[in-house]
Amino acid sequence: MVVEISFIFLCVLTLTLSFLLSKFLSKSQTKNVPKGSLGYPIIGETLGFLKAQRKDKGSEWIEERVSKYGPVFKTSLLGSPTVVIIGQEGNKFVLGSSEDVLSAKKPLTLQKILGKQSLIELTGSRHRLIKGEMLKFLKPECLQNYVKKMDELVNTVLLSKLKENKTIKVVGLMKKLAYNMACNILFDIKDEHTREALFEDFITSFKAIHSLPINFPGTSFWRGQKARARIVEKILPIMNKRREELSKGLLSSTNDMLSCLLAIRDENHQPLDDDIITDNFIFLFVASNDTSATLMSLMIWKLSRDQEVYNKVLEEQMEILKQREGNEERLTWGEIQKMKYTWRVAQELMRMIPPLFGGFRKALKDTSYQGYHIPKGWQVYWPSCGTHMDKEIFENPQKFDPSRFENPSKPIPSYSYLPFGAGIHYCIGNEFARVETLTTIHNFVKMYEWSQLNPEETITRQPMPYPSLGLPIKIKPRCNIS
C-alpha cells in the first residue's frame, strides 16, 4: 500500500513539475537559448550523464553533444536545466564571472549533503572570512609544520595494514589513510569509535552528491541525507566540548580546524551559528578525503602499469633517501620540494583523469555568453575535458607526458588546467593534497614492491575517478632500503 501511494505521488509530482517546467521554458523560447535536449522531466539527461561517468566516458558524452550542438549547449542535470560551456574562454566566463551574475550555488544534491553554508556556497564577506581562517591551516608556510606528522602517520598505517606477501585493495587503503590524515591533522578527532562511525557515514553521504534529488526511502539521495544527519549528531557534542575548552583557555584556536571555526567572530563580533560550522566541517572532510584518496590511488594505478614512470619515481625517491643527512628519519619540507618528477606525474594524471570532472554555477539573473541567452535560475556547467584534452592547448593530449609540466615551452593558458578549479572558489586544499600525496607515494615506493592483480582494470567515476575494482595488488616489503 505504501509503495502504491509513493508511486502515485511520484507520478503526480512528475506531471506537475513537467507542466511548470514547460511553462518556464516557453518564456525563454523567443530568446537565443543554446541548442540541445532537456531530456525527461526532472530526470533530464542525468542518468545518461552519470552512466557515462561511471564508465569514465564523460568526455565522450560531452563530445557527442558538442558535435551536434556546438561548444555551448543545453541539457538538464541533477534536476535543473543546464547550459554546458566548453573551452578556455568558457571556463573563464563561468569561473571568473561576478557572483551576482553566476553564483557558486550548487545543485540540490550537493547543497543537501555539503550544506547551504559550506565554503563552496558562500559569497562576499562571509566567504572571505571563512576562507581566510581555513587558509591559516592550509597555506604552504603552515603545511611545513605537518610534514613530519604526516610522514609518521603514513608510515604507521602502511606498516600496520600491509603485511608480507599480502593482497590488498589500494582504493580502500587510500580512503582510510586520507580520512585518518584529516582526523589527526585537520580536526584532532581521537576517539576511535567516533572516527569509525563518521567514516562510514561520510562514504554514504558522498555517494549521494551526484544523484537524482529524489528523497524516497532507499534512494542514494535519501541515504546520503540520513548519513549527513548522523554526522551532525556526532559532531555537535565535540563542538560543544571544544567551545567550552576555548572559553576556559584550555584550548587554542590554532589547535585544529574545528576549534578555528568555533573561535571565529563575524563583523558584529558574534560567533558563527552551529549550522555554518557543521556545513564547513562536512565540506572540509569530504574535500580533504576524496580528492587526496583519488589522486593517491591513481598514482599507484599508474605506477603499476607504466614501468618507465615507475622507475623514474623510484629513482627520485631513493635519491632523496641517499642525500638525507645526519640521523633524520622523517621527511622534511625541503625533501618534499625535491619530488619534482613525482609531482609532474600527478599533474599529468590530473590532466588526463581530473579529480573534478567539472563544476556548476547558477545564473542569478538573465545573462548571455557568445550570443546565447542563459535564463535566470539555470545552471551553468564547465567540464575540464574541454581544455585538458584540447590539442591546441596540450600537444598530443592523449599521450601521458609528465614533461609537459617541466618548464613548458608553451605556457599553459589561464583557465585551461583545472584539477582544482579556478577563480575565487579555487580549491584551498590543493597544497595539502600535494604534500599528502607526495608523502604517501614516498613511503609506498621506498617500503614496498607490488604488482597489479587485474592489469586491465579500468577507471570509474562515482563521482570521483577510481580504479573500478578497488585496485587489488599483491605487495611485499622492499629489500635493501638505503
Protein backbone atom coordinates (compact mmCIF):
# COMPACT_ATOMS: atom_id res chain seq x y z
CA MET A 1 0.00 0.00 0.00
CA VAL A 2 2.78 2.40 0.92
CA VAL A 3 4.63 1.56 -2.30
CA GLU A 4 1.48 2.27 -4.36
CA ILE A 5 0.97 5.64 -2.66
CA SER A 6 4.64 6.53 -3.22
CA PHE A 7 4.35 5.62 -6.89
CA ILE A 8 1.17 7.67 -7.35
CA PHE A 9 2.78 10.61 -5.55
CA LEU A 10 5.84 10.38 -7.80
CA CYS A 11 3.66 10.36 -10.92
CA VAL A 12 1.66 13.41 -9.76
CA LEU A 13 4.85 15.23 -8.80
CA THR A 14 6.45 14.44 -12.15
CA LEU A 15 3.45 15.69 -14.14
CA THR A 16 3.17 18.85 -12.06
CA LEU A 17 6.83 19.68 -12.40
CA SER A 18 6.70 18.88 -16.12
CA PHE A 19 3.88 21.40 -16.55
CA LEU A 20 5.67 24.08 -14.54
CA LEU A 21 8.93 23.45 -16.34
CA SER A 22 7.30 23.69 -19.76
CA LYS A 23 5.72 27.00 -18.77
CA PHE A 24 9.03 28.29 -17.52
CA LEU A 25 10.90 27.22 -20.63
CA SER A 26 8.31 28.62 -23.01
CA LYS A 27 9.15 32.11 -21.78
CA SER A 28 12.72 31.64 -22.98
CA GLN A 29 11.92 30.23 -26.42
CA THR A 30 11.84 33.66 -28.03
CA LYS A 31 15.46 34.22 -26.98
CA ASN A 32 18.54 32.50 -28.31
CA VAL A 33 18.81 29.73 -25.73
CA PRO A 34 21.54 27.23 -26.75
CA LYS A 35 20.51 24.19 -28.76
CA GLY A 36 20.30 20.82 -27.05
CA SER A 37 17.91 18.50 -25.27
CA LEU A 38 16.47 18.83 -21.76
CA GLY A 39 15.63 15.13 -21.73
CA TYR A 40 12.90 13.82 -19.46
CA PRO A 41 11.12 15.88 -16.78
CA ILE A 42 13.10 16.06 -13.51
CA ILE A 43 15.48 13.33 -14.69
CA GLY A 44 16.65 15.31 -17.70
CA GLU A 45 19.77 13.70 -19.10
CA THR A 46 21.19 12.96 -15.65
CA LEU A 47 21.04 9.17 -15.91
CA GLY A 48 22.90 9.13 -19.22
CA PHE A 49 25.49 11.57 -17.88
CA LEU A 50 26.08 9.54 -14.70
CA LYS A 51 26.21 6.27 -16.67
CA ALA A 52 28.90 7.76 -18.91
CA GLN A 53 30.78 8.96 -15.84
CA ARG A 54 30.72 5.52 -14.24
CA LYS A 55 32.36 4.14 -17.39
CA ASP A 56 34.82 7.09 -17.43
CA LYS A 57 33.29 8.18 -20.73
CA GLY A 58 32.07 11.58 -19.57
CA SER A 59 34.24 13.34 -22.15
CA GLU A 60 32.63 11.24 -24.91
CA TRP A 61 29.18 12.21 -23.58
CA ILE A 62 30.24 15.85 -23.85
CA GLU A 63 31.84 15.43 -27.29
CA GLU A 64 28.71 13.77 -28.69
CA ARG A 65 26.65 16.85 -27.81
CA VAL A 66 29.33 19.29 -28.96
CA SER A 67 29.30 17.58 -32.38
CA LYS A 68 25.51 18.04 -32.55
CA TYR A 69 25.03 21.46 -30.99
CA GLY A 70 28.42 23.17 -30.74
CA PRO A 71 30.60 24.16 -27.75
CA VAL A 72 27.64 25.77 -25.95
CA PHE A 73 24.60 23.55 -25.48
CA LYS A 74 21.69 22.99 -23.12
CA THR A 75 20.80 19.90 -21.16
CA SER A 76 19.27 19.10 -17.76
CA LEU A 77 21.44 17.69 -14.96
CA LEU A 78 20.68 16.81 -11.34
CA GLY A 79 17.21 18.28 -11.51
CA SER A 80 17.87 21.63 -13.24
CA PRO A 81 18.11 22.95 -16.82
CA THR A 82 21.78 23.49 -17.57
CA VAL A 83 23.94 25.29 -20.11
CA VAL A 84 27.24 23.49 -20.73
CA ILE A 85 30.09 25.70 -21.92
CA ILE A 86 33.25 24.22 -23.43
CA GLY A 87 36.74 25.68 -23.75
CA GLN A 88 39.19 28.11 -22.17
CA GLU A 89 37.11 31.21 -22.80
CA GLY A 90 34.05 29.41 -21.48
CA ASN A 91 35.90 28.37 -18.32
CA LYS A 92 36.98 31.97 -17.81
CA PHE A 93 33.40 33.17 -18.25
CA VAL A 94 31.94 30.64 -15.81
CA LEU A 95 34.65 30.72 -13.15
CA GLY A 96 35.53 34.39 -13.46
CA SER A 97 32.07 35.99 -13.63
CA SER A 98 30.80 38.23 -10.87
CA GLU A 99 28.91 36.34 -8.18
CA ASP A 100 25.83 38.50 -8.67
CA VAL A 101 25.64 37.03 -12.19
CA LEU A 102 26.86 33.43 -11.81
CA SER A 103 26.65 32.31 -8.21
CA ALA A 104 28.56 29.42 -6.69
CA LYS A 105 25.21 27.84 -5.74
CA LYS A 106 25.32 24.13 -6.43
CA PRO A 107 22.64 21.57 -7.42
CA LEU A 108 20.20 20.48 -4.72
CA THR A 109 22.02 17.21 -4.05
CA LEU A 110 25.30 18.98 -3.27
CA GLN A 111 23.53 21.58 -1.13
CA LYS A 112 21.73 18.97 0.93
CA ILE A 113 24.85 16.90 1.59
CA LEU A 114 27.58 19.55 1.90
CA GLY A 115 25.31 22.24 3.31
CA LYS A 116 23.99 25.57 2.07
CA GLN A 117 26.63 27.46 4.05
CA SER A 118 29.72 25.49 3.08
CA LEU A 119 32.65 27.38 1.59
CA ILE A 120 31.71 26.46 -1.98
CA GLU A 121 28.27 28.04 -1.47
CA LEU A 122 29.25 31.18 0.43
CA THR A 123 29.82 34.54 -1.25
CA GLY A 124 31.01 38.01 -0.32
CA SER A 125 32.37 38.91 3.11
CA ARG A 126 31.27 35.65 4.74
CA HIS A 127 33.17 33.65 2.11
CA ARG A 128 36.30 35.77 2.62
CA LEU A 129 36.06 35.39 6.40
CA ILE A 130 35.73 31.59 6.43
CA LYS A 131 38.26 31.07 3.64
CA GLY A 132 40.81 33.29 5.35
CA GLU A 133 40.60 31.32 8.59
CA MET A 134 40.82 27.97 6.81
CA LEU A 135 43.91 29.06 4.91
CA LYS A 136 45.72 29.52 8.21
CA PHE A 137 45.90 25.72 8.29
CA LEU A 138 46.31 25.03 4.58
CA LYS A 139 48.82 27.51 3.16
CA PRO A 140 52.38 26.25 2.45
CA GLU A 141 54.05 28.01 5.39
CA CYS A 142 51.66 26.18 7.73
CA LEU A 143 51.91 22.82 6.00
CA GLN A 144 55.64 22.77 6.69
CA ASN A 145 54.73 22.03 10.29
CA TYR A 146 52.67 18.99 9.31
CA VAL A 147 55.16 17.11 7.11
CA LYS A 148 56.78 15.01 9.84
CA LYS A 149 53.42 14.23 11.42
CA MET A 150 52.05 13.19 8.02
CA ASP A 151 55.09 11.04 7.36
CA GLU A 152 54.78 9.28 10.72
CA LEU A 153 51.07 8.64 10.15
CA VAL A 154 51.55 7.24 6.63
CA ASN A 155 54.44 5.06 7.79
CA THR A 156 52.45 3.70 10.73
CA VAL A 157 49.33 2.98 8.64
CA LEU A 158 51.29 1.20 5.91
CA LEU A 159 53.22 -0.93 8.39
CA SER A 160 50.04 -1.94 10.20
CA LYS A 161 47.95 -2.62 7.10
CA LEU A 162 50.45 -4.18 4.73
CA LYS A 163 51.95 -7.45 5.83
CA GLU A 164 54.45 -9.52 3.86
CA ASN A 165 53.12 -11.10 0.63
CA LYS A 166 49.66 -9.73 1.25
CA THR A 167 46.96 -8.84 -1.23
CA ILE A 168 45.25 -5.52 -0.56
CA LYS A 169 42.85 -3.12 -2.27
CA VAL A 170 44.58 0.21 -2.70
CA VAL A 171 41.44 2.37 -3.00
CA GLY A 172 40.09 1.33 0.40
CA LEU A 173 43.51 1.81 1.96
CA MET A 174 43.95 5.29 0.48
CA LYS A 175 40.46 6.39 1.52
CA LYS A 176 41.15 5.30 5.08
CA LEU A 177 44.60 6.90 5.04
CA ALA A 178 43.26 10.24 3.77
CA TYR A 179 40.47 10.08 6.34
CA ASN A 180 42.91 9.42 9.18
CA MET A 181 45.04 12.30 7.93
CA ALA A 182 42.05 14.64 8.15
CA CYS A 183 41.09 13.35 11.61
CA ASN A 184 44.60 13.65 13.02
CA ILE A 185 45.94 16.79 11.38
CA LEU A 186 42.96 18.97 10.50
CA PHE A 187 40.33 18.15 13.12
CA ASP A 188 42.09 16.40 16.02
CA ILE A 189 39.41 13.73 16.40
CA LYS A 190 40.97 10.99 18.51
CA ASP A 191 38.12 8.76 19.70
CA GLU A 192 38.34 5.60 17.60
CA HIS A 193 34.63 4.72 17.86
CA THR A 194 33.60 8.20 16.69
CA ARG A 195 36.10 8.08 13.84
CA GLU A 196 34.86 4.72 12.58
CA ALA A 197 31.20 5.76 12.72
CA LEU A 198 31.90 9.05 10.94
CA PHE A 199 33.93 7.30 8.24
CA GLU A 200 31.05 5.06 7.18
CA ASP A 201 28.62 7.99 7.14
CA PHE A 202 30.98 10.13 5.06
CA ILE A 203 31.28 7.34 2.48
CA THR A 204 27.47 7.06 2.28
CA SER A 205 26.85 10.80 2.12
CA PHE A 206 29.47 11.38 -0.57
CA LYS A 207 27.84 8.82 -2.87
CA ALA A 208 24.68 10.95 -2.83
CA ILE A 209 26.34 14.11 -4.13
CA HIS A 210 25.86 13.14 -7.79
CA SER A 211 22.45 11.52 -7.65
CA LEU A 212 18.92 12.41 -8.63
CA PRO A 213 17.27 14.63 -5.98
CA ILE A 214 14.55 12.07 -5.24
CA ASN A 215 14.07 11.78 -1.49
CA PHE A 216 12.33 8.41 -1.18
CA PRO A 217 13.44 5.69 1.24
CA GLY A 218 16.11 3.53 -0.33
CA THR A 219 17.40 6.08 -2.84
CA SER A 220 21.02 7.22 -2.75
CA PHE A 221 19.88 10.78 -2.03
CA TRP A 222 17.74 9.65 0.92
CA ARG A 223 20.57 7.54 2.37
CA GLY A 224 23.01 10.42 1.93
CA GLN A 225 20.80 12.84 3.87
CA LYS A 226 20.34 10.31 6.67
CA ALA A 227 24.12 9.84 6.84
CA ARG A 228 24.65 13.61 6.94
CA ALA A 229 22.17 13.90 9.84
CA ARG A 230 24.13 11.27 11.75
CA ILE A 231 27.38 13.15 11.11
CA VAL A 232 25.87 16.34 12.53
CA GLU A 233 24.54 14.43 15.53
CA LYS A 234 28.01 13.05 16.27
CA ILE A 235 29.91 16.29 15.77
CA LEU A 236 27.70 18.59 17.89
CA PRO A 237 28.91 17.15 21.25
CA ILE A 238 32.52 17.55 20.07
CA MET A 239 31.81 21.17 19.11
CA ASN A 240 30.21 21.90 22.48
CA LYS A 241 33.16 20.43 24.36
CA ARG A 242 35.71 22.41 22.35
CA ARG A 243 33.68 25.59 22.67
CA GLU A 244 33.81 25.16 26.44
CA GLU A 245 37.56 24.45 26.37
CA LEU A 246 38.16 27.54 24.23
CA SER A 247 36.19 29.75 26.65
CA LYS A 248 38.23 28.44 29.60
CA GLY A 249 41.54 28.91 27.81
CA LEU A 250 42.22 25.18 27.84
CA LEU A 251 42.38 25.05 24.03
CA SER A 252 43.80 27.35 21.36
CA SER A 253 42.00 28.27 18.15
CA THR A 254 45.17 27.16 16.33
CA ASN A 255 44.88 23.60 17.66
CA ASP A 256 42.72 22.34 14.78
CA MET A 257 40.33 23.46 12.06
CA LEU A 258 37.18 22.84 14.10
CA SER A 259 38.46 24.94 17.00
CA CYS A 260 39.40 27.63 14.49
CA LEU A 261 35.84 27.75 13.14
CA LEU A 262 34.41 27.89 16.66
CA ALA A 263 36.66 30.83 17.53
CA ILE A 264 35.71 32.94 14.50
CA ARG A 265 33.82 36.17 15.15
CA ASP A 266 31.91 37.92 12.39
CA GLU A 267 31.72 41.64 11.60
CA ASN A 268 29.41 42.08 14.58
CA HIS A 269 31.80 40.19 16.87
CA GLN A 270 29.35 37.29 17.08
CA PRO A 271 30.32 33.59 16.86
CA LEU A 272 29.24 31.59 13.84
CA ASP A 273 25.99 29.62 14.02
CA ASP A 274 26.31 25.87 14.52
CA ASP A 275 24.85 25.31 11.04
CA ILE A 276 27.69 27.09 9.27
CA ILE A 277 30.29 25.27 11.36
CA THR A 278 28.80 21.83 10.71
CA ASP A 279 28.37 22.59 7.00
CA ASN A 280 32.04 23.54 6.67
CA PHE A 281 33.18 20.63 8.82
CA ILE A 282 31.40 18.23 6.43
CA PHE A 283 32.63 20.09 3.35
CA LEU A 284 36.25 20.05 4.52
CA PHE A 285 36.12 16.38 5.41
CA VAL A 286 34.69 15.44 2.01
CA ALA A 287 37.08 17.75 0.14
CA SER A 288 40.19 16.62 2.01
CA ASN A 289 39.30 12.93 1.90
CA ASP A 290 38.22 12.01 -1.61
CA THR A 291 40.41 14.37 -3.63
CA SER A 292 43.58 13.07 -1.99
CA ALA A 293 42.43 9.44 -1.91
CA THR A 294 41.60 9.64 -5.62
CA LEU A 295 44.99 11.03 -6.59
CA MET A 296 46.95 8.62 -4.39
CA SER A 297 45.02 5.63 -5.78
CA LEU A 298 45.57 6.76 -9.37
CA MET A 299 49.28 7.25 -8.71
CA ILE A 300 49.63 3.63 -7.55
CA TRP A 301 47.47 2.53 -10.52
CA LYS A 302 49.74 4.40 -12.95
CA LEU A 303 52.98 3.19 -11.37
CA SER A 304 51.64 -0.37 -11.60
CA ARG A 305 51.09 -0.06 -15.34
CA ASP A 306 53.98 2.09 -16.58
CA GLN A 307 57.46 0.69 -15.85
CA GLU A 308 59.28 3.75 -17.19
CA VAL A 309 57.34 6.15 -14.99
CA TYR A 310 57.69 3.82 -12.02
CA ASN A 311 61.48 3.61 -12.43
CA LYS A 312 61.85 7.39 -12.55
CA VAL A 313 59.66 7.90 -9.48
CA LEU A 314 61.55 5.20 -7.59
CA GLU A 315 64.90 6.71 -8.58
CA GLU A 316 63.82 10.17 -7.38
CA GLN A 317 62.54 8.89 -4.04
CA MET A 318 65.61 6.74 -3.36
CA GLU A 319 67.90 9.65 -4.23
CA ILE A 320 66.15 11.71 -1.55
CA LEU A 321 66.95 9.00 0.99
CA LYS A 322 70.60 8.85 -0.14
CA GLN A 323 71.01 12.59 0.26
CA ARG A 324 69.48 12.65 3.74
CA GLU A 325 72.00 13.88 6.30
CA GLY A 326 72.51 13.05 9.98
CA ASN A 327 70.05 10.97 11.96
CA GLU A 328 66.91 12.39 10.34
CA GLU A 329 64.38 9.59 9.84
CA ARG A 330 61.28 11.54 8.84
CA LEU A 331 60.51 13.52 5.71
CA THR A 332 61.20 17.24 5.70
CA TRP A 333 59.62 20.14 3.84
CA GLY A 334 62.81 20.52 1.80
CA GLU A 335 62.63 16.90 0.68
CA ILE A 336 59.02 17.33 -0.42
CA GLN A 337 60.17 20.15 -2.70
CA LYS A 338 62.69 17.80 -4.35
CA MET A 339 59.95 15.45 -5.56
CA LYS A 340 59.57 17.35 -8.82
CA TYR A 341 59.17 14.43 -11.22
CA THR A 342 56.78 12.59 -8.90
CA TRP A 343 54.53 15.64 -8.75
CA ARG A 344 54.68 16.11 -12.52
CA VAL A 345 53.34 12.55 -12.82
CA ALA A 346 50.49 13.57 -10.51
CA GLN A 347 49.86 16.73 -12.54
CA GLU A 348 49.67 14.76 -15.78
CA LEU A 349 47.33 12.21 -14.19
CA MET A 350 45.05 15.05 -13.06
CA ARG A 351 45.08 16.43 -16.60
CA MET A 352 44.03 13.14 -18.17
CA ILE A 353 41.83 11.92 -15.29
CA PRO A 354 40.89 15.09 -13.38
CA PRO A 355 39.54 14.54 -9.84
CA LEU A 356 36.90 17.15 -10.63
CA PHE A 357 35.21 16.40 -13.96
CA GLY A 358 33.63 19.85 -13.97
CA GLY A 359 31.64 22.24 -11.85
CA PHE A 360 28.32 24.07 -11.57
CA ARG A 361 27.34 27.70 -11.21
CA LYS A 362 23.84 29.18 -11.10
CA ALA A 363 22.59 32.19 -13.06
CA LEU A 364 21.11 34.70 -10.61
CA LYS A 365 19.94 36.92 -13.46
CA ASP A 366 19.46 36.63 -17.19
CA THR A 367 22.87 36.72 -18.84
CA SER A 368 24.50 35.77 -22.12
CA TYR A 369 27.63 34.15 -23.49
CA GLN A 370 28.77 34.42 -27.12
CA GLY A 371 25.29 35.50 -28.18
CA TYR A 372 23.48 32.71 -26.32
CA HIS A 373 20.87 33.53 -23.70
CA ILE A 374 21.26 31.95 -20.26
CA PRO A 375 17.97 32.31 -18.35
CA LYS A 376 17.88 33.27 -14.70
CA GLY A 377 17.73 30.18 -12.47
CA TRP A 378 19.51 27.87 -14.91
CA GLN A 379 22.71 26.05 -14.03
CA VAL A 380 25.92 26.63 -15.97
CA TYR A 381 28.42 23.78 -16.16
CA TRP A 382 32.07 23.72 -17.23
CA PRO A 383 33.78 20.35 -17.95
CA SER A 384 37.55 20.13 -17.51
CA CYS A 385 37.92 17.87 -20.55
CA GLY A 386 37.01 20.88 -22.70
CA THR A 387 40.56 22.17 -22.23
CA HIS A 388 42.53 19.29 -20.68
CA MET A 389 42.17 17.26 -23.89
CA ASP A 390 42.38 20.19 -26.32
CA LYS A 391 45.29 19.65 -28.75
CA GLU A 392 45.59 23.41 -29.22
CA ILE A 393 46.48 23.72 -25.53
CA PHE A 394 48.21 20.39 -24.80
CA GLU A 395 50.16 18.87 -27.66
CA ASN A 396 49.21 15.24 -28.30
CA PRO A 397 46.76 15.28 -25.36
CA GLN A 398 46.10 11.52 -25.42
CA LYS A 399 49.76 10.82 -24.59
CA PHE A 400 50.82 10.58 -20.93
CA ASP A 401 53.72 13.02 -20.76
CA PRO A 402 54.77 14.45 -17.37
CA SER A 403 57.45 16.57 -19.06
CA ARG A 404 54.76 18.95 -20.35
CA PHE A 405 54.75 20.41 -16.82
CA GLU A 406 58.54 20.85 -16.76
CA ASN A 407 59.30 24.37 -17.98
CA PRO A 408 56.82 24.12 -20.86
CA SER A 409 57.97 26.00 -23.97
CA LYS A 410 54.35 26.94 -24.50
CA PRO A 411 52.87 28.29 -21.22
CA ILE A 412 49.53 26.78 -20.25
CA PRO A 413 46.86 29.50 -20.64
CA SER A 414 44.89 30.52 -17.58
CA TYR A 415 41.59 28.69 -17.03
CA SER A 416 42.88 25.73 -19.08
CA TYR A 417 44.33 23.37 -16.46
CA LEU A 418 41.69 23.00 -13.77
CA PRO A 419 42.16 19.97 -11.48
CA PHE A 420 41.41 22.24 -8.53
CA GLY A 421 39.09 24.70 -10.25
CA ALA A 422 39.90 28.40 -10.65
CA GLY A 423 38.73 31.85 -9.62
CA ILE A 424 37.72 32.85 -6.10
CA HIS A 425 36.42 29.33 -5.42
CA TYR A 426 39.75 27.70 -6.34
CA CYS A 427 40.28 24.68 -4.08
CA ILE A 428 42.12 25.88 -0.97
CA GLY A 429 43.25 22.34 -0.17
CA ASN A 430 45.39 21.85 -3.29
CA GLU A 431 48.69 22.27 -1.43
CA PHE A 432 47.52 19.96 1.38
CA ALA A 433 46.67 17.34 -1.26
CA ARG A 434 50.11 17.77 -2.87
CA VAL A 435 52.01 17.23 0.38
CA GLU A 436 49.75 14.34 1.41
CA THR A 437 50.12 12.61 -1.96
CA LEU A 438 53.90 13.01 -2.17
CA THR A 439 54.33 11.82 1.43
CA THR A 440 52.25 8.71 0.74
CA ILE A 441 53.93 7.82 -2.56
CA HIS A 442 57.38 8.33 -1.00
CA ASN A 443 56.62 5.83 1.77
CA PHE A 444 54.87 3.39 -0.57
CA VAL A 445 57.69 3.07 -3.10
CA LYS A 446 60.51 3.07 -0.54
CA MET A 447 58.88 0.36 1.61
CA TYR A 448 57.20 -1.98 -0.87
CA GLU A 449 57.22 -3.67 -4.23
CA TRP A 450 53.87 -4.64 -5.76
CA SER A 451 52.08 -5.99 -8.80
CA GLN A 452 48.57 -5.25 -10.06
CA LEU A 453 46.28 -8.29 -9.98
CA ASN A 454 43.98 -7.00 -12.76
CA PRO A 455 46.16 -5.25 -15.35
CA GLU A 456 43.13 -4.36 -17.48
CA GLU A 457 41.31 -2.63 -14.60
CA THR A 458 39.51 0.47 -15.85
CA ILE A 459 38.57 3.76 -14.20
CA THR A 460 35.06 4.60 -12.99
CA ARG A 461 33.60 7.85 -11.62
CA GLN A 462 31.10 7.82 -8.73
CA PRO A 463 31.63 10.82 -8.90
CA MET A 464 35.40 10.80 -8.25
CA PRO A 465 37.60 8.64 -10.52
CA TYR A 466 38.84 5.39 -9.03
CA PRO A 467 40.09 2.05 -10.38
CA SER A 468 36.86 0.14 -10.90
CA LEU A 469 37.78 -2.96 -8.88
CA GLY A 470 39.35 -1.10 -5.97
CA LEU A 471 42.87 -1.72 -7.35
CA PRO A 472 43.82 -5.06 -5.76
CA ILE A 473 47.59 -5.57 -5.69
CA LYS A 474 49.99 -8.15 -4.35
CA ILE A 475 52.54 -6.45 -2.14
CA LYS A 476 55.76 -7.37 -0.37
CA PRO A 477 58.38 -5.42 1.61
CA ARG A 478 61.16 -3.93 -0.45
CA CYS A 479 64.63 -5.27 0.14
CA ASN A 480 67.74 -3.10 0.52
CA ILE A 481 66.20 0.18 1.67
CA SER A 482 69.14 2.57 1.90
